[in-house]
Each structure stands twice: as C-alpha cells, then as structure tokens.
C-alpha cells in the first residue's frame, strides 16, 4: 500500500475516517441514509484494504476495546499507507466527545 500514488492514499484515508466516524455513531435512530453510506464505505474499504486491516477496522467499530478502537485503527492505516522512515508514529489521536474534557476543572474560589 505504501507504493500507491499520493491521491489514492488520501482517498483511502478519507474513506477510513468517514467510515470510523459514521459506523461508530450508528444507532437505532440513525437515518437509513447513514446506514447506506456506512455500507457503501464498508464495501469500498473491503476492496481497498488488506484483509487483516479491514477486519480490524470492522471490529473496532462493532466492538471497540482499549487495544482495538477507531484511534488504533487510524494509526494502523497511517502506518500501512505512509510509514515514513525514521518518523516516530503518534501514540494517540485526539477524539472529541460532547461533555468530555481533559481540562482540569477550575476552582470557584478566586484568590
């Protein structure tokens, strides 16, 4: 996968990101269009990604764990596509969730 042209790599990265976000957010109240788009992305990725990477992608959205989750799969895809020599891979990705913050709470007392 590292030998693909840059545009094809970017297309794969975009599809993976879209799939991870969309499939991870699907629930019973999601519109049919969201399910259809997730299925379309899933089929495209099944044809583009190596089988072990595709299985990890699906498992991370269906049954995320601490070791296999959307962030870890994003890093796997990055490594499979780019893996620059000598560049250290990031150990985490920023994920934004409503109501979740890593900022320390501010004290109400101002001195």
PDB file of N, CA and C in Angstrom:
ATOM      1  N   UNK A   1       0.812  -1.197   0.000  1.00  0.00           N
ATOM      2  CA  UNK A   1       0.000   0.000   0.000  1.00  0.00           C
ATOM      3  C   UNK A   1       0.858   1.265   0.000  1.00  0.00           C
ATOM      4  N   UNK A   2       2.094   1.127   0.450  1.00  0.00           N
ATOM      5  CA  UNK A   2       2.971   2.289   0.523  1.00  0.00           C
ATOM      6  C   UNK A   2       3.348   2.805  -0.858  1.00  0.00           C
ATOM      7  N   UNK A   3       3.200   1.952  -1.895  1.00  0.00           N
ATOM      8  CA  UNK A   3       3.583   2.339  -3.245  1.00  0.00           C
ATOM      9  C   UNK A   3       2.457   3.020  -4.021  1.00  0.00           C
ATOM     10  N   UNK A   4       1.299   3.165  -3.419  1.00  0.00           N
ATOM     11  CA  UNK A   4       0.182   3.819  -4.098  1.00  0.00           C
ATOM     12  C   UNK A   4       0.497   5.296  -4.326  1.00  0.00           C
ATOM     13  N   UNK A   5      -0.079   5.884  -5.382  1.00  0.00           N
ATOM     14  CA  UNK A   5       0.068   7.327  -5.578  1.00  0.00           C
ATOM     15  C   UNK A   5      -0.553   8.091  -4.406  1.00  0.00           C
ATOM     16  N   UNK A   6      -0.037   9.276  -4.152  1.00  0.00           N
ATOM     17  CA  UNK A   6      -0.492  10.092  -3.012  1.00  0.00           C
ATOM     18  C   UNK A   6      -1.998  10.313  -3.031  1.00  0.00           C
ATOM     19  N   UNK A   7      -2.587  10.575  -4.194  1.00  0.00           N
ATOM     20  CA  UNK A   7      -4.034  10.843  -4.281  1.00  0.00           C
ATOM     21  C   UNK A   7      -4.829   9.622  -3.835  1.00  0.00           C
ATOM     22  N   UNK A   8      -4.395   8.430  -4.207  1.00  0.00           N
ATOM     23  CA  UNK A   8      -5.098   7.209  -3.801  1.00  0.00           C
ATOM     24  C   UNK A   8      -4.985   6.996  -2.292  1.00  0.00           C
ATOM     25  N   UNK A   9      -3.830   7.300  -1.732  1.00  0.00           N
ATOM     26  CA  UNK A   9      -3.652   7.189  -0.283  1.00  0.00           C
ATOM     27  C   UNK A   9      -4.600   8.133   0.444  1.00  0.00           C
ATOM     28  N   UNK A  10      -4.694   9.356  -0.056  1.00  0.00           N
ATOM     29  CA  UNK A  10      -5.586  10.336   0.568  1.00  0.00           C
ATOM     30  C   UNK A  10      -7.034   9.874   0.468  1.00  0.00           C
ATOM     31  N   UNK A  11      -7.413   9.316  -0.674  1.00  0.00           N
ATOM     32  CA  UNK A  11      -8.783   8.799  -0.830  1.00  0.00           C
ATOM     33  C   UNK A  11      -9.075   7.705   0.192  1.00  0.00           C
ATOM     34  N   UNK A  12      -8.121   6.801   0.401  1.00  0.00           N
ATOM     35  CA  UNK A  12      -8.311   5.721   1.368  1.00  0.00           C
ATOM     36  C   UNK A  12      -8.421   6.293   2.781  1.00  0.00           C
ATOM     37  N   UNK A  13      -7.543   7.222   3.108  1.00  0.00           N
ATOM     38  CA  UNK A  13      -7.569   7.851   4.436  1.00  0.00           C
ATOM     39  C   UNK A  13      -8.922   8.517   4.675  1.00  0.00           C
ATOM     40  N   UNK A  14      -9.429   9.227   3.681  1.00  0.00           N
ATOM     41  CA  UNK A  14     -10.735   9.892   3.824  1.00  0.00           C
ATOM     42  C   UNK A  14     -11.847   8.870   4.041  1.00  0.00           C
ATOM     43  N   UNK A  15     -11.831   7.781   3.286  1.00  0.00           N
ATOM     44  CA  UNK A  15     -12.868   6.755   3.430  1.00  0.00           C
ATOM     45  C   UNK A  15     -12.794   6.088   4.809  1.00  0.00           C
ATOM     46  N   UNK A  16     -11.594   5.806   5.265  1.00  0.00           N
ATOM     47  CA  UNK A  16     -11.428   5.189   6.585  1.00  0.00           C
ATOM     48  C   UNK A  16     -11.957   6.129   7.664  1.00  0.00           C
ATOM     49  N   UNK A  17     -11.586   7.395   7.599  1.00  0.00           N
ATOM     50  CA  UNK A  17     -12.038   8.360   8.605  1.00  0.00           C
ATOM     51  C   UNK A  17     -13.556   8.488   8.587  1.00  0.00           C
ATOM     52  N   UNK A  18     -14.130   8.600   7.392  1.00  0.00           N
ATOM     53  CA  UNK A  18     -15.586   8.705   7.286  1.00  0.00           C
ATOM     54  C   UNK A  18     -16.267   7.467   7.858  1.00  0.00           C
ATOM     55  N   UNK A  19     -15.741   6.302   7.509  1.00  0.00           N
ATOM     56  CA  UNK A  19     -16.342   5.058   7.994  1.00  0.00           C
ATOM     57  C   UNK A  19     -16.246   4.955   9.512  1.00  0.00           C
ATOM     58  N   UNK A  20     -15.079   5.242  10.068  1.00  0.00           N
ATOM     59  CA  UNK A  20     -14.904   5.138  11.523  1.00  0.00           C
ATOM     60  C   UNK A  20     -15.875   6.046  12.269  1.00  0.00           C
ATOM     61  N   UNK A  21     -16.042   7.255  11.786  1.00  0.00           N
ATOM     62  CA  UNK A  21     -16.940   8.200  12.441  1.00  0.00           C
ATOM     63  C   UNK A  21     -18.396   7.787  12.241  1.00  0.00           C
ATOM     64  N   UNK A  22     -18.767   7.483  11.006  1.00  0.00           N
ATOM     65  CA  UNK A  22     -20.163   7.163  10.710  1.00  0.00           C
ATOM     66  C   UNK A  22     -20.593   5.841  11.343  1.00  0.00           C
ATOM     67  N   UNK A  23     -19.827   4.790  11.151  1.00  0.00           N
ATOM     68  CA  UNK A  23     -20.203   3.481  11.690  1.00  0.00           C
ATOM     69  C   UNK A  23     -20.195   3.504  13.217  1.00  0.00           C
ATOM     70  N   UNK A  24     -19.295   4.262  13.804  1.00  0.00           N
ATOM     71  CA  UNK A  24     -19.239   4.360  15.259  1.00  0.00           C
ATOM     72  C   UNK A  24     -20.409   5.102  15.865  1.00  0.00           C
ATOM     73  N   UNK A  25     -21.083   5.913  15.055  1.00  0.00           N
ATOM     74  CA  UNK A  25     -22.202   6.712  15.560  1.00  0.00           C
ATOM     75  C   UNK A  25     -23.570   6.111  15.230  1.00  0.00           C
ATOM     76  N   UNK A  26     -23.603   5.042  14.442  1.00  0.00           N
ATOM     77  CA  UNK A  26     -24.899   4.459  14.067  1.00  0.00           C
ATOM     78  C   UNK A  26     -25.627   3.898  15.282  1.00  0.00           C
ATOM     79  N   UNK A  27     -26.906   4.162  15.335  1.00  0.00           N
ATOM     80  CA  UNK A  27     -27.767   3.545  16.348  1.00  0.00           C
ATOM     81  C   UNK A  27     -29.159   3.390  15.743  1.00  0.00           C
ATOM     82  N   UNK A  28     -30.082   2.885  16.521  1.00  0.00           N
ATOM     83  CA  UNK A  28     -31.430   2.597  16.013  1.00  0.00           C
ATOM     84  C   UNK A  28     -32.123   3.830  15.447  1.00  0.00           C
ATOM     85  N   UNK A  29     -31.754   5.007  15.930  1.00  0.00           N
ATOM     86  CA  UNK A  29     -32.421   6.221  15.473  1.00  0.00           C
ATOM     87  C   UNK A  29     -31.724   6.867  14.276  1.00  0.00           C
ATOM     88  N   UNK A  30     -30.630   6.279  13.805  1.00  0.00           N
ATOM     89  CA  UNK A  30     -29.905   6.847  12.669  1.00  0.00           C
ATOM     90  C   UNK A  30     -30.740   6.730  11.398  1.00  0.00           C
ATOM     91  N   UNK A  31     -30.674   7.732  10.544  1.00  0.00           N
ATOM     92  CA  UNK A  31     -31.430   7.666   9.287  1.00  0.00           C
ATOM     93  C   UNK A  31     -30.903   6.559   8.371  1.00  0.00           C
ATOM     94  N   UNK A  32     -31.762   6.056   7.537  1.00  0.00           N
ATOM     95  CA  UNK A  32     -31.411   4.989   6.593  1.00  0.00           C
ATOM     96  C   UNK A  32     -30.226   5.409   5.722  1.00  0.00           C
ATOM     97  N   UNK A  33     -30.148   6.673   5.360  1.00  0.00           N
ATOM     98  CA  UNK A  33     -29.050   7.169   4.527  1.00  0.00           C
ATOM     99  C   UNK A  33     -27.697   6.954   5.198  1.00  0.00           C
ATOM    100  N   UNK A  34     -27.638   7.086   6.522  1.00  0.00           N
ATOM    101  CA  UNK A  34     -26.387   6.855   7.245  1.00  0.00           C
ATOM    102  C   UNK A  34     -25.975   5.386   7.155  1.00  0.00           C
ATOM    103  N   UNK A  35     -26.938   4.486   7.265  1.00  0.00           N
ATOM    104  CA  UNK A  35     -26.640   3.055   7.127  1.00  0.00           C
ATOM    105  C   UNK A  35     -26.178   2.736   5.705  1.00  0.00           C
ATOM    106  N   UNK A  36     -26.850   3.338   4.731  1.00  0.00           N
ATOM    107  CA  UNK A  36     -26.470   3.098   3.340  1.00  0.00           C
ATOM    108  C   UNK A  36     -25.056   3.608   3.070  1.00  0.00           C
ATOM    109  N   UNK A  37     -24.724   4.785   3.575  1.00  0.00           N
ATOM    110  CA  UNK A  37     -23.375   5.342   3.371  1.00  0.00           C
ATOM    111  C   UNK A  37     -22.332   4.482   4.086  1.00  0.00           C
ATOM    112  N   UNK A  38     -22.630   4.032   5.295  1.00  0.00           N
ATOM    113  CA  UNK A  38     -21.697   3.170   6.024  1.00  0.00           C
ATOM    114  C   UNK A  38     -21.465   1.869   5.255  1.00  0.00           C
ATOM    115  N   UNK A  39     -22.516   1.300   4.690  1.00  0.00           N
ATOM    116  CA  UNK A  39     -22.375   0.067   3.909  1.00  0.00           C
ATOM    117  C   UNK A  39     -21.565   0.306   2.638  1.00  0.00           C
ATOM    118  N   UNK A  40     -21.788   1.443   1.988  1.00  0.00           N
ATOM    119  CA  UNK A  40     -21.014   1.781   0.789  1.00  0.00           C
ATOM    120  C   UNK A  40     -19.525   1.903   1.127  1.00  0.00           C
ATOM    121  N   UNK A  41     -19.222   2.630   2.187  1.00  0.00           N
ATOM    122  CA  UNK A  41     -17.825   2.782   2.608  1.00  0.00           C
ATOM    123  C   UNK A  41     -17.222   1.433   2.995  1.00  0.00           C
ATOM    124  N   UNK A  42     -17.989   0.617   3.686  1.00  0.00           N
ATOM    125  CA  UNK A  42     -17.516  -0.700   4.096  1.00  0.00           C
ATOM    126  C   UNK A  42     -17.142  -1.549   2.883  1.00  0.00           C
ATOM    127  N   UNK A  43     -17.984  -1.552   1.869  1.00  0.00           N
ATOM    128  CA  UNK A  43     -17.696  -2.324   0.655  1.00  0.00           C
ATOM    129  C   UNK A  43     -16.455  -1.793  -0.056  1.00  0.00           C
ATOM    130  N   UNK A  44     -16.352  -0.482  -0.168  1.00  0.00           N
ATOM    131  CA  UNK A  44     -15.176   0.103  -0.819  1.00  0.00           C
ATOM    132  C   UNK A  44     -13.905  -0.264  -0.063  1.00  0.00           C
ATOM    133  N   UNK A  45     -13.945  -0.140   1.250  1.00  0.00           N
ATOM    134  CA  UNK A  45     -12.759  -0.431   2.059  1.00  0.00           C
ATOM    135  C   UNK A  45     -12.411  -1.914   2.049  1.00  0.00           C
ATOM    136  N   UNK A  46     -13.422  -2.770   1.950  1.00  0.00           N
ATOM    137  CA  UNK A  46     -13.161  -4.210   1.862  1.00  0.00           C
ATOM    138  C   UNK A  46     -12.361  -4.533   0.601  1.00  0.00           C
ATOM    139  N   UNK A  47     -12.542  -3.739  -0.446  1.00  0.00           N
ATOM    140  CA  UNK A  47     -11.818  -3.971  -1.692  1.00  0.00           C
ATOM    141  C   UNK A  47     -10.468  -3.257  -1.732  1.00  0.00           C
ATOM    142  N   UNK A  48     -10.273  -2.278  -0.876  1.00  0.00           N
ATOM    143  CA  UNK A  48      -9.043  -1.477  -0.894  1.00  0.00           C
ATOM    144  C   UNK A  48      -8.004  -1.912   0.136  1.00  0.00           C
ATOM    145  N   UNK A  49      -8.459  -2.294   1.315  1.00  0.00           N
ATOM    146  CA  UNK A  49      -7.544  -2.577   2.417  1.00  0.00           C
ATOM    147  C   UNK A  49      -7.137  -4.044   2.454  1.00  0.00           C
ATOM    148  N   UNK A  50      -5.937  -4.318   2.934  1.00  0.00           N
ATOM    149  CA  UNK A  50      -5.570  -5.719   3.171  1.00  0.00           C
ATOM    150  C   UNK A  50      -6.559  -6.338   4.175  1.00  0.00           C
ATOM    151  N   UNK A  51      -6.832  -7.620   4.016  1.00  0.00           N
ATOM    152  CA  UNK A  51      -7.848  -8.291   4.835  1.00  0.00           C
ATOM    153  C   UNK A  51      -7.651  -8.096   6.340  1.00  0.00           C
ATOM    154  N   UNK A  52      -6.450  -8.258   6.892  1.00  0.00           N
ATOM    155  CA  UNK A  52      -6.309  -8.075   8.347  1.00  0.00           C
ATOM    156  C   UNK A  52      -6.641  -6.644   8.805  1.00  0.00           C
ATOM    157  N   UNK A  53      -6.277  -5.674   7.987  1.00  0.00           N
ATOM    158  CA  UNK A  53      -6.566  -4.281   8.331  1.00  0.00           C
ATOM    159  C   UNK A  53      -8.064  -4.003   8.242  1.00  0.00           C
ATOM    160  N   UNK A  54      -8.716  -4.542   7.220  1.00  0.00           N
ATOM    161  CA  UNK A  54     -10.164  -4.369   7.098  1.00  0.00           C
ATOM    162  C   UNK A  54     -10.889  -5.026   8.272  1.00  0.00           C
ATOM    163  N   UNK A  55     -10.464  -6.222   8.659  1.00  0.00           N
ATOM    164  CA  UNK A  55     -11.091  -6.893   9.811  1.00  0.00           C
ATOM    165  C   UNK A  55     -10.927  -6.061  11.075  1.00  0.00           C
ATOM    166  N   UNK A  56      -9.761  -5.469  11.261  1.00  0.00           N
ATOM    167  CA  UNK A  56      -9.532  -4.615  12.434  1.00  0.00           C
ATOM    168  C   UNK A  56     -10.439  -3.398  12.397  1.00  0.00           C
ATOM    169  N   UNK A  57     -10.612  -2.815  11.219  1.00  0.00           N
ATOM    170  CA  UNK A  57     -11.493  -1.657  11.052  1.00  0.00           C
ATOM    171  C   UNK A  57     -12.917  -1.991  11.480  1.00  0.00           C
ATOM    172  N   UNK A  58     -13.420  -3.107  10.995  1.00  0.00           N
ATOM    173  CA  UNK A  58     -14.794  -3.517  11.305  1.00  0.00           C
ATOM    174  C   UNK A  58     -14.932  -3.845  12.795  1.00  0.00           C
ATOM    175  N   UNK A  59     -13.990  -4.574  13.330  1.00  0.00           N
ATOM    176  CA  UNK A  59     -14.045  -4.950  14.745  1.00  0.00           C
ATOM    177  C   UNK A  59     -13.971  -3.719  15.644  1.00  0.00           C
ATOM    178  N   UNK A  60     -13.165  -2.748  15.257  1.00  0.00           N
ATOM    179  CA  UNK A  60     -13.004  -1.533  16.070  1.00  0.00           C
ATOM    180  C   UNK A  60     -14.287  -0.711  16.130  1.00  0.00           C
ATOM    181  N   UNK A  61     -15.092  -0.764  15.085  1.00  0.00           N
ATOM    182  CA  UNK A  61     -16.353  -0.023  15.120  1.00  0.00           C
ATOM    183  C   UNK A  61     -17.475  -0.843  15.741  1.00  0.00           C
ATOM    184  N   UNK A  62     -17.436  -2.159  15.541  1.00  0.00           N
ATOM    185  CA  UNK A  62     -18.504  -3.013  16.074  1.00  0.00           C
ATOM    186  C   UNK A  62     -18.312  -3.317  17.555  1.00  0.00           C
ATOM    187  N   UNK A  63     -17.057  -3.572  17.958  1.00  0.00           N
ATOM    188  CA  UNK A  63     -16.760  -3.963  19.342  1.00  0.00           C
ATOM    189  C   UNK A  63     -15.446  -3.331  19.786  1.00  0.00           C
ATOM    190  N   UNK A  64     -15.428  -2.008  19.956  1.00  0.00           N
ATOM    191  CA  UNK A  64     -14.163  -1.360  20.334  1.00  0.00           C
ATOM    192  C   UNK A  64     -13.677  -1.800  21.709  1.00  0.00           C
ATOM    193  N   UNK A  65     -12.368  -1.947  21.809  1.00  0.00           N
ATOM    194  CA  UNK A  65     -11.732  -2.270  23.078  1.00  0.00           C
ATOM    195  C   UNK A  65     -10.627  -1.246  23.305  1.00  0.00           C
ATOM    196  N   UNK A  66      -9.960  -1.362  24.421  1.00  0.00           N
ATOM    197  CA  UNK A  66      -8.862  -0.441  24.699  1.00  0.00           C
ATOM    198  C   UNK A  66      -7.740  -0.598  23.671  1.00  0.00           C
ATOM    199  N   UNK A  67      -7.510  -1.810  23.207  1.00  0.00           N
ATOM    200  CA  UNK A  67      -6.417  -2.073  22.260  1.00  0.00           C
ATOM    201  C   UNK A  67      -6.827  -1.918  20.802  1.00  0.00           C
ATOM    202  N   UNK A  68      -8.093  -2.186  20.491  1.00  0.00           N
ATOM    203  CA  UNK A  68      -8.574  -2.090  19.119  1.00  0.00           C
ATOM    204  C   UNK A  68      -9.786  -1.180  19.081  1.00  0.00           C
ATOM    205  N   UNK A  69      -9.593   0.016  18.590  1.00  0.00           N
ATOM    206  CA  UNK A  69     -10.638   1.035  18.573  1.00  0.00           C
ATOM    207  C   UNK A  69     -10.394   1.942  17.368  1.00  0.00           C
ATOM    208  N   UNK A  70     -11.293   2.877  17.097  1.00  0.00           N
ATOM    209  CA  UNK A  70     -11.093   3.740  15.924  1.00  0.00           C
ATOM    210  C   UNK A  70      -9.730   4.448  15.902  1.00  0.00           C
ATOM    211  N   UNK A  71      -9.255   4.885  17.036  1.00  0.00           N
ATOM    212  CA  UNK A  71      -7.953   5.564  17.060  1.00  0.00           C
ATOM    213  C   UNK A  71      -6.817   4.616  16.693  1.00  0.00           C
ATOM    214  N   UNK A  72      -6.831   3.411  17.253  1.00  0.00           N
ATOM    215  CA  UNK A  72      -5.749   2.471  16.944  1.00  0.00           C
ATOM    216  C   UNK A  72      -5.797   2.046  15.475  1.00  0.00           C
ATOM    217  N   UNK A  73      -7.000   1.915  14.915  1.00  0.00           N
ATOM    218  CA  UNK A  73      -7.123   1.555  13.503  1.00  0.00           C
ATOM    219  C   UNK A  73      -6.623   2.702  12.618  1.00  0.00           C
ATOM    220  N   UNK A  74      -6.935   3.929  12.991  1.00  0.00           N
ATOM    221  CA  UNK A  74      -6.438   5.074  12.215  1.00  0.00           C
ATOM    222  C   UNK A  74      -4.911   5.057  12.163  1.00  0.00           C
ATOM    223  N   UNK A  75      -4.282   4.727  13.278  1.00  0.00           N
ATOM    224  CA  UNK A  75      -2.825   4.646  13.309  1.00  0.00           C
ATOM    225  C   UNK A  75      -2.308   3.477  12.471  1.00  0.00           C
ATOM    226  N   UNK A  76      -3.052   2.355  12.468  1.00  0.00           N
ATOM    227  CA  UNK A  76      -2.668   1.204  11.635  1.00  0.00           C
ATOM    228  C   UNK A  76      -2.710   1.574  10.148  1.00  0.00           C
ATOM    229  N   UNK A  77      -3.762   2.286   9.764  1.00  0.00           N
ATOM    230  CA  UNK A  77      -3.908   2.700   8.365  1.00  0.00           C
ATOM    231  C   UNK A  77      -2.790   3.665   7.997  1.00  0.00           C
ATOM    232  N   UNK A  78      -2.508   4.590   8.894  1.00  0.00           N
ATOM    233  CA  UNK A  78      -1.421   5.550   8.646  1.00  0.00           C
ATOM    234  C   UNK A  78      -0.107   4.808   8.418  1.00  0.00           C
ATOM    235  N   UNK A  79       0.150   3.842   9.254  1.00  0.00           N
ATOM    236  CA  UNK A  79       1.398   3.071   9.125  1.00  0.00           C
ATOM    237  C   UNK A  79       1.419   2.273   7.824  1.00  0.00           C
ATOM    238  N   UNK A  80       0.303   1.643   7.472  1.00  0.00           N
ATOM    239  CA  UNK A  80       0.233   0.839   6.258  1.00  0.00           C
ATOM    240  C   UNK A  80       0.403   1.686   4.995  1.00  0.00           C
ATOM    241  N   UNK A  81      -0.086   2.907   5.029  1.00  0.00           N
ATOM    242  CA  UNK A  81      -0.017   3.758   3.845  1.00  0.00           C
ATOM    243  C   UNK A  81       1.260   4.577   3.754  1.00  0.00           C
ATOM    244  N   UNK A  82       1.749   5.036   4.876  1.00  0.00           N
ATOM    245  CA  UNK A  82       2.840   6.007   4.845  1.00  0.00           C
ATOM    246  C   UNK A  82       4.123   5.497   5.482  1.00  0.00           C
ATOM    247  N   UNK A  83       4.075   5.043   6.713  1.00  0.00           N
ATOM    248  CA  UNK A  83       5.216   4.527   7.452  1.00  0.00           C
ATOM    249  C   UNK A  83       6.536   5.186   7.058  1.00  0.00           C
ATOM    250  N   UNK A  84       6.624   6.505   7.245  1.00  0.00           N
ATOM    251  CA  UNK A  84       7.851   7.198   6.853  1.00  0.00           C
ATOM    252  C   UNK A  84       9.051   6.694   7.644  1.00  0.00           C
ATOM    253  N   UNK A  85      10.149   6.509   6.961  1.00  0.00           N
ATOM    254  CA  UNK A  85      11.368   6.053   7.616  1.00  0.00           C
ATOM    255  C   UNK A  85      11.813   7.049   8.675  1.00  0.00           C
ATOM    256  N   UNK A  86      12.069   6.537   9.846  1.00  0.00           N
ATOM    257  CA  UNK A  86      12.598   7.362  10.911  1.00  0.00           C
ATOM    258  C   UNK A  86      11.592   8.250  11.602  1.00  0.00           C
ATOM    259  N   UNK A  87      10.361   8.326  11.087  1.00  0.00           N
ATOM    260  CA  UNK A  87       9.367   9.165  11.760  1.00  0.00           C
ATOM    261  C   UNK A  87       8.684   8.356  12.842  1.00  0.00           C
ATOM    262  N   UNK A  88       8.668   8.911  14.010  1.00  0.00           N
ATOM    263  CA  UNK A  88       8.005   8.240  15.117  1.00  0.00           C
ATOM    264  C   UNK A  88       6.500   8.352  14.933  1.00  0.00           C
ATOM    265  N   UNK A  89       5.809   7.239  15.095  1.00  0.00           N
ATOM    266  CA  UNK A  89       4.354   7.235  14.968  1.00  0.00           C
ATOM    267  C   UNK A  89       3.720   7.883  16.185  1.00  0.00           C
ATOM    268  N   UNK A  90       2.634   8.619  15.991  1.00  0.00           N
ATOM    269  CA  UNK A  90       1.949   9.175  17.159  1.00  0.00           C
ATOM    270  C   UNK A  90       1.408   8.053  18.035  1.00  0.00           C
ATOM    271  N   UNK A  91       1.363   8.278  19.319  1.00  0.00           N
ATOM    272  CA  UNK A  91       0.883   7.246  20.229  1.00  0.00           C
ATOM    273  C   UNK A  91      -0.588   7.417  20.560  1.00  0.00           C
ATOM    274  N   UNK A  92      -1.167   8.546  20.180  1.00  0.00           N
ATOM    275  CA  UNK A  92      -2.585   8.754  20.435  1.00  0.00           C
ATOM    276  C   UNK A  92      -3.147   9.719  19.422  1.00  0.00           C
ATOM    277  N   UNK A  93      -4.456   9.729  19.325  1.00  0.00           N
ATOM    278  CA  UNK A  93      -5.158  10.665  18.471  1.00  0.00           C
ATOM    279  C   UNK A  93      -6.146  11.436  19.324  1.00  0.00           C
ATOM    280  N   UNK A  94      -6.393  12.661  18.940  1.00  0.00           N
ATOM    281  CA  UNK A  94      -7.398  13.460  19.637  1.00  0.00           C
ATOM    282  C   UNK A  94      -8.787  12.992  19.210  1.00  0.00           C
ATOM    283  N   UNK A  95      -9.634  12.744  20.166  1.00  0.00           N
ATOM    284  CA  UNK A  95     -11.019  12.366  19.910  1.00  0.00           C
ATOM    285  C   UNK A  95     -11.885  13.321  20.702  1.00  0.00           C
ATOM    286  N   UNK A  96     -12.884  13.883  20.061  1.00  0.00           N
ATOM    287  CA  UNK A  96     -13.714  14.903  20.685  1.00  0.00           C
ATOM    288  C   UNK A  96     -15.108  14.353  20.950  1.00  0.00           C
ATOM    289  N   UNK A  97     -15.522  14.403  22.196  1.00  0.00           N
ATOM    290  CA  UNK A  97     -16.811  13.875  22.620  1.00  0.00           C
ATOM    291  C   UNK A  97     -17.513  14.953  23.432  1.00  0.00           C
ATOM    292  N   UNK A  98     -18.796  15.214  23.147  1.00  0.00           N
ATOM    293  CA  UNK A  98     -19.507  16.231  23.920  1.00  0.00           C
ATOM    294  C   UNK A  98     -19.499  15.898  25.410  1.00  0.00           C
ATOM    295  N   UNK A  99     -19.212  16.889  26.220  1.00  0.00           N
ATOM    296  CA  UNK A  99     -19.247  16.710  27.663  1.00  0.00           C
ATOM    297  C   UNK A  99     -18.003  16.073  28.244  1.00  0.00           C
ATOM    298  N   UNK A 100     -17.054  15.700  27.396  1.00  0.00           N
ATOM    299  CA  UNK A 100     -15.825  15.068  27.874  1.00  0.00           C
ATOM    300  C   UNK A 100     -14.684  16.044  27.667  1.00  0.00           C
ATOM    301  N   UNK A 101     -13.919  16.266  28.707  1.00  0.00           N
ATOM    302  CA  UNK A 101     -12.806  17.197  28.598  1.00  0.00           C
ATOM    303  C   UNK A 101     -11.635  16.688  29.415  1.00  0.00           C
ATOM    304  N   UNK A 102     -10.455  17.027  28.968  1.00  0.00           N
ATOM    305  CA  UNK A 102      -9.283  16.663  29.750  1.00  0.00           C
ATOM    306  C   UNK A 102      -8.721  17.880  30.473  1.00  0.00           C
ATOM    307  N   UNK A 103      -9.435  18.989  30.381  1.00  0.00           N
ATOM    308  CA  UNK A 103      -9.002  20.191  31.075  1.00  0.00           C
ATOM    309  C   UNK A 103      -9.332  20.063  32.555  1.00  0.00           C
ATOM    310  N   UNK A 104      -8.418  20.503  33.408  1.00  0.00           N
ATOM    311  CA  UNK A 104      -8.730  20.438  34.837  1.00  0.00           C
ATOM    312  C   UNK A 104      -9.892  21.375  35.160  1.00  0.00           C
ATOM    313  N   UNK A 105     -10.707  20.961  36.088  1.00  0.00           N
ATOM    314  CA  UNK A 105     -11.819  21.821  36.492  1.00  0.00           C
ATOM    315  C   UNK A 105     -11.270  23.015  37.250  1.00  0.00           C
ATOM    316  N   UNK A 106     -11.897  24.137  37.023  1.00  0.00           N
ATOM    317  CA  UNK A 106     -11.450  25.362  37.667  1.00  0.00           C
ATOM    318  C   UNK A 106     -12.127  25.487  39.031  1.00  0.00           C
ATOM    319  N   UNK A 107     -11.354  25.931  39.944  1.00  0.00           N
ATOM    320  CA  UNK A 107     -11.887  26.168  41.280  1.00  0.00           C
ATOM    321  C   UNK A 107     -12.793  27.382  41.230  1.00  0.00           C
ATOM    322  N   UNK A 108     -13.856  27.358  42.004  1.00  0.00           N
ATOM    323  CA  UNK A 108     -14.758  28.512  42.049  1.00  0.00           C
ATOM    324  C   UNK A 108     -14.191  29.625  42.905  1.00  0.00           C
ATOM    325  N   UNK A 109     -13.219  29.302  43.717  1.00  0.00           N
ATOM    326  CA  UNK A 109     -12.595  30.325  44.575  1.00  0.00           C
ATOM    327  C   UNK A 109     -11.505  31.025  43.781  1.00  0.00           C
ATOM    328  N   UNK A 110     -11.553  32.309  43.719  1.00  0.00           N
ATOM    329  CA  UNK A 110     -10.541  33.107  43.006  1.00  0.00           C
ATOM    330  C   UNK A 110      -9.745  33.889  44.027  1.00  0.00           C
ATOM    331  N   UNK A 111      -8.520  33.574  44.201  1.00  0.00           N
ATOM    332  CA  UNK A 111      -7.669  34.287  45.167  1.00  0.00           C
ATOM    333  C   UNK A 111      -6.572  35.003  44.461  1.00  0.00           C
TER     334      UNK A 111
END
